[in-house]
Amino acid sequence: MIDLFGSDSDDWEDDDFGADLAEAVEVHCPYCGAGIDLGVDQSGGGVQEYVEDCQVCCQPLMVRVTLDGDGVPAVMVNTLDES
């Protein structure tokens, strides 16, 4: 099968699309306390802030990711009113 860009559809399986993602980091939701896994996009810069819903209770979380010089992430989650 050929996609819109003219490459074989099976080629994507050989590409390393996940190369910029660190392993999932487990954090605990400040609303329900559940452990949730967040993937960290290392290509997003050394400091990242974004809102993501809890995978369990669906409450909005303010996520702050910082990467050290070796690309190791530190992740903090807060409620929106604590950010």
PDB file of N, CA and C in Angstrom:
ATOM      1  N   MET A   1       0.842  -1.183   0.000  1.00  0.00           N
ATOM      2  CA  MET A   1       0.000   0.000   0.000  1.00  0.00           C
ATOM      3  C   MET A   1       0.883   1.241   0.000  1.00  0.00           C
ATOM      4  N   ILE A   2       0.511   2.237  -0.789  1.00  0.00           N
ATOM      5  CA  ILE A   2       1.261   3.485  -0.893  1.00  0.00           C
ATOM      6  C   ILE A   2       0.496   4.581  -0.159  1.00  0.00           C
ATOM      7  N   ASP A   3       1.184   5.355   0.673  1.00  0.00           N
ATOM      8  CA  ASP A   3       0.517   6.462   1.359  1.00  0.00           C
ATOM      9  C   ASP A   3       0.586   7.726   0.510  1.00  0.00           C
ATOM     10  N   LEU A   4       0.075   8.826   0.996  1.00  0.00           N
ATOM     11  CA  LEU A   4       0.022  10.071   0.255  1.00  0.00           C
ATOM     12  C   LEU A   4       1.394  10.620  -0.090  1.00  0.00           C
ATOM     13  N   PHE A   5       2.405  10.218   0.649  1.00  0.00           N
ATOM     14  CA  PHE A   5       3.749  10.724   0.415  1.00  0.00           C
ATOM     15  C   PHE A   5       4.569   9.791  -0.464  1.00  0.00           C
ATOM     16  N   GLY A   6       3.942   8.717  -0.942  1.00  0.00           N
ATOM     17  CA  GLY A   6       4.594   7.827  -1.884  1.00  0.00           C
ATOM     18  C   GLY A   6       5.510   6.791  -1.274  1.00  0.00           C
ATOM     19  N   SER A   7       5.482   6.590   0.020  1.00  0.00           N
ATOM     20  CA  SER A   7       6.327   5.566   0.622  1.00  0.00           C
ATOM     21  C   SER A   7       5.476   4.356   0.966  1.00  0.00           C
ATOM     22  N   ASP A   8       6.134   3.222   1.083  1.00  0.00           N
ATOM     23  CA  ASP A   8       5.417   2.016   1.467  1.00  0.00           C
ATOM     24  C   ASP A   8       4.903   2.160   2.881  1.00  0.00           C
ATOM     25  N   SER A   9       3.690   1.686   3.136  1.00  0.00           N
ATOM     26  CA  SER A   9       3.098   1.831   4.469  1.00  0.00           C
ATOM     27  C   SER A   9       3.851   1.034   5.519  1.00  0.00           C
ATOM     28  N   ASP A  10       4.580  -0.008   5.102  1.00  0.00           N
ATOM     29  CA  ASP A  10       5.318  -0.811   6.073  1.00  0.00           C
ATOM     30  C   ASP A  10       6.606  -0.139   6.518  1.00  0.00           C
ATOM     31  N   ASP A  11       7.048   0.918   5.798  1.00  0.00           N
ATOM     32  CA  ASP A  11       8.294   1.593   6.151  1.00  0.00           C
ATOM     33  C   ASP A  11       8.257   2.214   7.534  1.00  0.00           C
ATOM     34  N   TRP A  12       7.090   2.686   7.968  1.00  0.00           N
ATOM     35  CA  TRP A  12       7.003   3.364   9.264  1.00  0.00           C
ATOM     36  C   TRP A  12       7.380   2.458  10.398  1.00  0.00           C
ATOM     37  N   GLU A  13       7.204   1.146  10.230  1.00  0.00           N
ATOM     38  CA  GLU A  13       7.539   0.213  11.295  1.00  0.00           C
ATOM     39  C   GLU A  13       9.036   0.183  11.560  1.00  0.00           C
ATOM     40  N   ASP A  14       9.829   0.524  10.536  1.00  0.00           N
ATOM     41  CA  ASP A  14      11.270   0.508  10.690  1.00  0.00           C
ATOM     42  C   ASP A  14      11.810   1.813  11.256  1.00  0.00           C
ATOM     43  N   ASP A  15      11.021   2.888  11.160  1.00  0.00           N
ATOM     44  CA  ASP A  15      11.453   4.181  11.686  1.00  0.00           C
ATOM     45  C   ASP A  15      11.411   4.159  13.199  1.00  0.00           C
ATOM     46  N   ASP A  16      12.236   4.987  13.817  1.00  0.00           N
ATOM     47  CA  ASP A  16      12.303   5.040  15.273  1.00  0.00           C
ATOM     48  C   ASP A  16      11.528   6.258  15.763  1.00  0.00           C
ATOM     49  N   PHE A  17      10.191   6.204  15.610  1.00  0.00           N
ATOM     50  CA  PHE A  17       9.358   7.331  15.988  1.00  0.00           C
ATOM     51  C   PHE A  17       9.427   7.619  17.476  1.00  0.00           C
ATOM     52  N   GLY A  18       9.689   6.659  18.320  1.00  0.00           N
ATOM     53  CA  GLY A  18       9.707   6.851  19.762  1.00  0.00           C
ATOM     54  C   GLY A  18      11.053   7.266  20.314  1.00  0.00           C
ATOM     55  N   ALA A  19      11.984   7.625  19.451  1.00  0.00           N
ATOM     56  CA  ALA A  19      13.341   7.919  19.914  1.00  0.00           C
ATOM     57  C   ALA A  19      13.394   9.092  20.872  1.00  0.00           C
ATOM     58  N   ASP A  20      12.498  10.073  20.723  1.00  0.00           N
ATOM     59  CA  ASP A  20      12.533  11.249  21.580  1.00  0.00           C
ATOM     60  C   ASP A  20      11.708  11.082  22.849  1.00  0.00           C
ATOM     61  N   LEU A  21      11.052   9.955  23.013  1.00  0.00           N
ATOM     62  CA  LEU A  21      10.241   9.747  24.204  1.00  0.00           C
ATOM     63  C   LEU A  21      11.022   8.936  25.228  1.00  0.00           C
ATOM     64  N   ALA A  22      11.104   9.463  26.425  1.00  0.00           N
ATOM     65  CA  ALA A  22      11.706   8.702  27.506  1.00  0.00           C
ATOM     66  C   ALA A  22      10.699   7.650  27.944  1.00  0.00           C
ATOM     67  N   GLU A  23      11.132   6.745  28.744  1.00  0.00           N
ATOM     68  CA  GLU A  23      10.181   5.796  29.296  1.00  0.00           C
ATOM     69  C   GLU A  23       9.152   6.560  30.107  1.00  0.00           C
ATOM     70  N   ALA A  24       8.006   5.958  30.271  1.00  0.00           N
ATOM     71  CA  ALA A  24       6.939   6.611  31.023  1.00  0.00           C
ATOM     72  C   ALA A  24       7.394   6.882  32.462  1.00  0.00           C
ATOM     73  N   VAL A  25       6.991   8.028  32.969  1.00  0.00           N
ATOM     74  CA  VAL A  25       7.292   8.416  34.345  1.00  0.00           C
ATOM     75  C   VAL A  25       6.003   8.295  35.142  1.00  0.00           C
ATOM     76  N   GLU A  26       6.038   7.597  36.272  1.00  0.00           N
ATOM     77  CA  GLU A  26       4.841   7.457  37.096  1.00  0.00           C
ATOM     78  C   GLU A  26       4.739   8.618  38.073  1.00  0.00           C
ATOM     79  N   VAL A  27       3.571   9.227  38.095  1.00  0.00           N
ATOM     80  CA  VAL A  27       3.260  10.294  39.046  1.00  0.00           C
ATOM     81  C   VAL A  27       1.939   9.941  39.707  1.00  0.00           C
ATOM     82  N   HIS A  28       1.580  10.683  40.750  1.00  0.00           N
ATOM     83  CA  HIS A  28       0.314  10.443  41.438  1.00  0.00           C
ATOM     84  C   HIS A  28      -0.586  11.654  41.276  1.00  0.00           C
ATOM     85  N   CYS A  29      -1.823  11.387  40.900  1.00  0.00           N
ATOM     86  CA  CYS A  29      -2.801  12.442  40.689  1.00  0.00           C
ATOM     87  C   CYS A  29      -3.087  13.142  42.019  1.00  0.00           C
ATOM     88  N   PRO A  30      -3.022  14.483  42.048  1.00  0.00           N
ATOM     89  CA  PRO A  30      -3.304  15.204  43.285  1.00  0.00           C
ATOM     90  C   PRO A  30      -4.792  15.193  43.657  1.00  0.00           C
ATOM     91  N   TYR A  31      -5.654  14.805  42.739  1.00  0.00           N
ATOM     92  CA  TYR A  31      -7.086  14.726  43.019  1.00  0.00           C
ATOM     93  C   TYR A  31      -7.479  13.368  43.596  1.00  0.00           C
ATOM     94  N   CYS A  32      -7.158  12.290  42.860  1.00  0.00           N
ATOM     95  CA  CYS A  32      -7.633  10.962  43.265  1.00  0.00           C
ATOM     96  C   CYS A  32      -6.539  10.084  43.852  1.00  0.00           C
ATOM     97  N   GLY A  33      -5.274  10.492  43.722  1.00  0.00           N
ATOM     98  CA  GLY A  33      -4.165   9.739  44.290  1.00  0.00           C
ATOM     99  C   GLY A  33      -3.700   8.554  43.454  1.00  0.00           C
ATOM    100  N   ALA A  34      -4.344   8.318  42.325  1.00  0.00           N
ATOM    101  CA  ALA A  34      -3.980   7.175  41.489  1.00  0.00           C
ATOM    102  C   ALA A  34      -2.616   7.399  40.844  1.00  0.00           C
ATOM    103  N   GLY A  35      -1.865   6.323  40.702  1.00  0.00           N
ATOM    104  CA  GLY A  35      -0.605   6.373  39.970  1.00  0.00           C
ATOM    105  C   GLY A  35      -0.903   6.368  38.484  1.00  0.00           C
ATOM    106  N   ILE A  36      -0.349   7.322  37.757  1.00  0.00           N
ATOM    107  CA  ILE A  36      -0.554   7.403  36.310  1.00  0.00           C
ATOM    108  C   ILE A  36       0.790   7.540  35.621  1.00  0.00           C
ATOM    109  N   ASP A  37       0.875   7.025  34.414  1.00  0.00           N
ATOM    110  CA  ASP A  37       2.104   7.089  33.637  1.00  0.00           C
ATOM    111  C   ASP A  37       2.018   8.225  32.631  1.00  0.00           C
ATOM    112  N   LEU A  38       3.044   9.063  32.606  1.00  0.00           N
ATOM    113  CA  LEU A  38       3.140  10.146  31.639  1.00  0.00           C
ATOM    114  C   LEU A  38       4.392   9.936  30.804  1.00  0.00           C
ATOM    115  N   GLY A  39       4.251  10.009  29.496  1.00  0.00           N
ATOM    116  CA  GLY A  39       5.404   9.952  28.606  1.00  0.00           C
ATOM    117  C   GLY A  39       6.043  11.323  28.535  1.00  0.00           C
ATOM    118  N   VAL A  40       7.366  11.378  28.466  1.00  0.00           N
ATOM    119  CA  VAL A  40       8.085  12.643  28.424  1.00  0.00           C
ATOM    120  C   VAL A  40       8.704  12.800  27.042  1.00  0.00           C
ATOM    121  N   ASP A  41       8.385  13.919  26.382  1.00  0.00           N
ATOM    122  CA  ASP A  41       8.932  14.237  25.073  1.00  0.00           C
ATOM    123  C   ASP A  41      10.226  15.018  25.274  1.00  0.00           C
ATOM    124  N   GLN A  42      11.352  14.347  25.102  1.00  0.00           N
ATOM    125  CA  GLN A  42      12.640  14.992  25.346  1.00  0.00           C
ATOM    126  C   GLN A  42      12.963  16.053  24.311  1.00  0.00           C
ATOM    127  N   SER A  43      12.280  16.039  23.176  1.00  0.00           N
ATOM    128  CA  SER A  43      12.537  17.055  22.155  1.00  0.00           C
ATOM    129  C   SER A  43      11.762  18.338  22.439  1.00  0.00           C
ATOM    130  N   GLY A  44      10.945  18.352  23.497  1.00  0.00           N
ATOM    131  CA  GLY A  44      10.124  19.515  23.826  1.00  0.00           C
ATOM    132  C   GLY A  44      10.854  20.605  24.583  1.00  0.00           C
ATOM    133  N   GLY A  45      12.108  20.422  24.888  1.00  0.00           N
ATOM    134  CA  GLY A  45      12.878  21.438  25.592  1.00  0.00           C
ATOM    135  C   GLY A  45      13.143  21.053  27.031  1.00  0.00           C
ATOM    136  N   GLY A  46      14.017  21.812  27.673  1.00  0.00           N
ATOM    137  CA  GLY A  46      14.453  21.512  29.031  1.00  0.00           C
ATOM    138  C   GLY A  46      13.413  21.762  30.098  1.00  0.00           C
ATOM    139  N   VAL A  47      12.484  22.688  29.836  1.00  0.00           N
ATOM    140  CA  VAL A  47      11.384  22.970  30.760  1.00  0.00           C
ATOM    141  C   VAL A  47      10.095  22.973  29.951  1.00  0.00           C
ATOM    142  N   GLN A  48       9.135  22.169  30.379  1.00  0.00           N
ATOM    143  CA  GLN A  48       7.866  22.059  29.681  1.00  0.00           C
ATOM    144  C   GLN A  48       6.734  22.166  30.689  1.00  0.00           C
ATOM    145  N   GLU A  49       5.686  22.878  30.324  1.00  0.00           N
ATOM    146  CA  GLU A  49       4.481  22.957  31.143  1.00  0.00           C
ATOM    147  C   GLU A  49       3.281  22.776  30.231  1.00  0.00           C
ATOM    148  N   TYR A  50       2.371  21.927  30.659  1.00  0.00           N
ATOM    149  CA  TYR A  50       1.167  21.703  29.883  1.00  0.00           C
ATOM    150  C   TYR A  50       0.086  21.120  30.783  1.00  0.00           C
ATOM    151  N   VAL A  51      -1.150  21.145  30.299  1.00  0.00           N
ATOM    152  CA  VAL A  51      -2.280  20.583  31.035  1.00  0.00           C
ATOM    153  C   VAL A  51      -2.645  19.254  30.403  1.00  0.00           C
ATOM    154  N   GLU A  52      -2.811  18.250  31.247  1.00  0.00           N
ATOM    155  CA  GLU A  52      -3.226  16.919  30.798  1.00  0.00           C
ATOM    156  C   GLU A  52      -4.225  16.374  31.802  1.00  0.00           C
ATOM    157  N   ASP A  53      -5.240  15.694  31.316  1.00  0.00           N
ATOM    158  CA  ASP A  53      -6.241  15.110  32.206  1.00  0.00           C
ATOM    159  C   ASP A  53      -5.717  13.826  32.838  1.00  0.00           C
ATOM    160  N   CYS A  54      -6.098  13.618  34.107  1.00  0.00           N
ATOM    161  CA  CYS A  54      -5.777  12.374  34.801  1.00  0.00           C
ATOM    162  C   CYS A  54      -6.422  11.221  34.033  1.00  0.00           C
ATOM    163  N   GLN A  55      -5.689  10.154  33.848  1.00  0.00           N
ATOM    164  CA  GLN A  55      -6.183   8.988  33.127  1.00  0.00           C
ATOM    165  C   GLN A  55      -7.238   8.224  33.918  1.00  0.00           C
ATOM    166  N   VAL A  56      -7.373   8.502  35.211  1.00  0.00           N
ATOM    167  CA  VAL A  56      -8.330   7.788  36.057  1.00  0.00           C
ATOM    168  C   VAL A  56      -9.562   8.637  36.354  1.00  0.00           C
ATOM    169  N   CYS A  57      -9.371   9.847  36.903  1.00  0.00           N
ATOM    170  CA  CYS A  57     -10.521  10.659  37.328  1.00  0.00           C
ATOM    171  C   CYS A  57     -10.861  11.798  36.364  1.00  0.00           C
ATOM    172  N   CYS A  58     -10.043  11.983  35.332  1.00  0.00           N
ATOM    173  CA  CYS A  58     -10.270  12.980  34.271  1.00  0.00           C
ATOM    174  C   CYS A  58     -10.158  14.435  34.736  1.00  0.00           C
ATOM    175  N   GLN A  59      -9.643  14.685  35.918  1.00  0.00           N
ATOM    176  CA  GLN A  59      -9.421  16.058  36.375  1.00  0.00           C
ATOM    177  C   GLN A  59      -8.199  16.630  35.656  1.00  0.00           C
ATOM    178  N   PRO A  60      -8.198  17.950  35.390  1.00  0.00           N
ATOM    179  CA  PRO A  60      -7.049  18.550  34.698  1.00  0.00           C
ATOM    180  C   PRO A  60      -5.845  18.704  35.623  1.00  0.00           C
ATOM    181  N   LEU A  61      -4.695  18.311  35.119  1.00  0.00           N
ATOM    182  CA  LEU A  61      -3.447  18.381  35.874  1.00  0.00           C
ATOM    183  C   LEU A  61      -2.508  19.368  35.200  1.00  0.00           C
ATOM    184  N   MET A  62      -1.853  20.208  35.978  1.00  0.00           N
ATOM    185  CA  MET A  62      -0.771  21.038  35.462  1.00  0.00           C
ATOM    186  C   MET A  62       0.499  20.202  35.579  1.00  0.00           C
ATOM    187  N   VAL A  63       1.099  19.875  34.447  1.00  0.00           N
ATOM    188  CA  VAL A  63       2.292  19.032  34.406  1.00  0.00           C
ATOM    189  C   VAL A  63       3.495  19.931  34.128  1.00  0.00           C
ATOM    190  N   ARG A  64       4.526  19.783  34.932  1.00  0.00           N
ATOM    191  CA  ARG A  64       5.784  20.518  34.722  1.00  0.00           C
ATOM    192  C   ARG A  64       6.902  19.498  34.624  1.00  0.00           C
ATOM    193  N   VAL A  65       7.607  19.534  33.501  1.00  0.00           N
ATOM    194  CA  VAL A  65       8.705  18.611  33.239  1.00  0.00           C
ATOM    195  C   VAL A  65       9.987  19.423  33.123  1.00  0.00           C
ATOM    196  N   THR A  66      11.020  19.000  33.821  1.00  0.00           N
ATOM    197  CA  THR A  66      12.344  19.581  33.639  1.00  0.00           C
ATOM    198  C   THR A  66      13.302  18.441  33.309  1.00  0.00           C
ATOM    199  N   LEU A  67      14.178  18.700  32.362  1.00  0.00           N
ATOM    200  CA  LEU A  67      15.174  17.708  31.966  1.00  0.00           C
ATOM    201  C   LEU A  67      16.540  18.182  32.434  1.00  0.00           C
ATOM    202  N   ASP A  68      17.296  17.281  33.061  1.00  0.00           N
ATOM    203  CA  ASP A  68      18.649  17.668  33.461  1.00  0.00           C
ATOM    204  C   ASP A  68      19.581  17.585  32.253  1.00  0.00           C
ATOM    205  N   GLY A  69      20.838  17.854  32.432  1.00  0.00           N
ATOM    206  CA  GLY A  69      21.798  17.871  31.339  1.00  0.00           C
ATOM    207  C   GLY A  69      21.923  16.554  30.593  1.00  0.00           C
ATOM    208  N   ASP A  70      21.579  15.456  31.256  1.00  0.00           N
ATOM    209  CA  ASP A  70      21.637  14.135  30.624  1.00  0.00           C
ATOM    210  C   ASP A  70      20.301  13.725  30.026  1.00  0.00           C
ATOM    211  N   GLY A  71      19.301  14.611  30.094  1.00  0.00           N
ATOM    212  CA  GLY A  71      17.985  14.289  29.550  1.00  0.00           C
ATOM    213  C   GLY A  71      17.099  13.494  30.487  1.00  0.00           C
ATOM    214  N   VAL A  72      17.488  13.387  31.749  1.00  0.00           N
ATOM    215  CA  VAL A  72      16.686  12.662  32.728  1.00  0.00           C
ATOM    216  C   VAL A  72      15.571  13.588  33.214  1.00  0.00           C
ATOM    217  N   PRO A  73      14.310  13.140  33.094  1.00  0.00           N
ATOM    218  CA  PRO A  73      13.203  14.024  33.449  1.00  0.00           C
ATOM    219  C   PRO A  73      12.857  14.006  34.933  1.00  0.00           C
ATOM    220  N   ALA A  74      12.420  15.179  35.415  1.00  0.00           N
ATOM    221  CA  ALA A  74      11.776  15.303  36.722  1.00  0.00           C
ATOM    222  C   ALA A  74      10.381  15.846  36.418  1.00  0.00           C
ATOM    223  N   VAL A  75       9.349  15.179  36.910  1.00  0.00           N
ATOM    224  CA  VAL A  75       7.976  15.538  36.573  1.00  0.00           C
ATOM    225  C   VAL A  75       7.204  15.866  37.848  1.00  0.00           C
ATOM    226  N   MET A  76       6.525  17.007  37.841  1.00  0.00           N
ATOM    227  CA  MET A  76       5.646  17.409  38.946  1.00  0.00           C
ATOM    228  C   MET A  76       4.255  17.621  38.385  1.00  0.00           C
ATOM    229  N   VAL A  77       3.242  17.196  39.138  1.00  0.00           N
ATOM    230  CA  VAL A  77       1.862  17.463  38.750  1.00  0.00           C
ATOM    231  C   VAL A  77       1.169  18.154  39.897  1.00  0.00           C
ATOM    232  N   ASN A  78       0.344  19.143  39.565  1.00  0.00           N
ATOM    233  CA  ASN A  78      -0.431  19.893  40.531  1.00  0.00           C
ATOM    234  C   ASN A  78      -1.839  20.084  39.995  1.00  0.00           C
ATOM    235  N   THR A  79      -2.744  20.482  40.880  1.00  0.00           N
ATOM    236  CA  THR A  79      -4.055  20.919  40.418  1.00  0.00           C
ATOM    237  C   THR A  79      -3.876  22.255  39.717  1.00  0.00           C
ATOM    238  N   LEU A  80      -4.822  22.667  38.909  1.00  0.00           N
ATOM    239  CA  LEU A  80      -4.692  23.925  38.180  1.00  0.00           C
ATOM    240  C   LEU A  80      -4.608  25.127  39.099  1.00  0.00           C
ATOM    241  N   ASP A  81      -5.291  25.062  40.260  1.00  0.00           N
ATOM    242  CA  ASP A  81      -5.254  26.206  41.172  1.00  0.00           C
ATOM    243  C   ASP A  81      -3.974  26.247  42.011  1.00  0.00           C
ATOM    244  N   GLU A  82      -3.184  25.179  42.001  1.00  0.00           N
ATOM    245  CA  GLU A  82      -1.910  25.158  42.725  1.00  0.00           C
ATOM    246  C   GLU A  82      -0.741  25.589  41.861  1.00  0.00           C
ATOM    247  N   SER A  83      -0.956  25.720  40.576  1.00  0.00           N
ATOM    248  CA  SER A  83       0.157  25.993  39.657  1.00  0.00           C
ATOM    249  C   SER A  83       0.572  27.385  39.720  1.00  0.00           C
TER     250      SER A  83
END
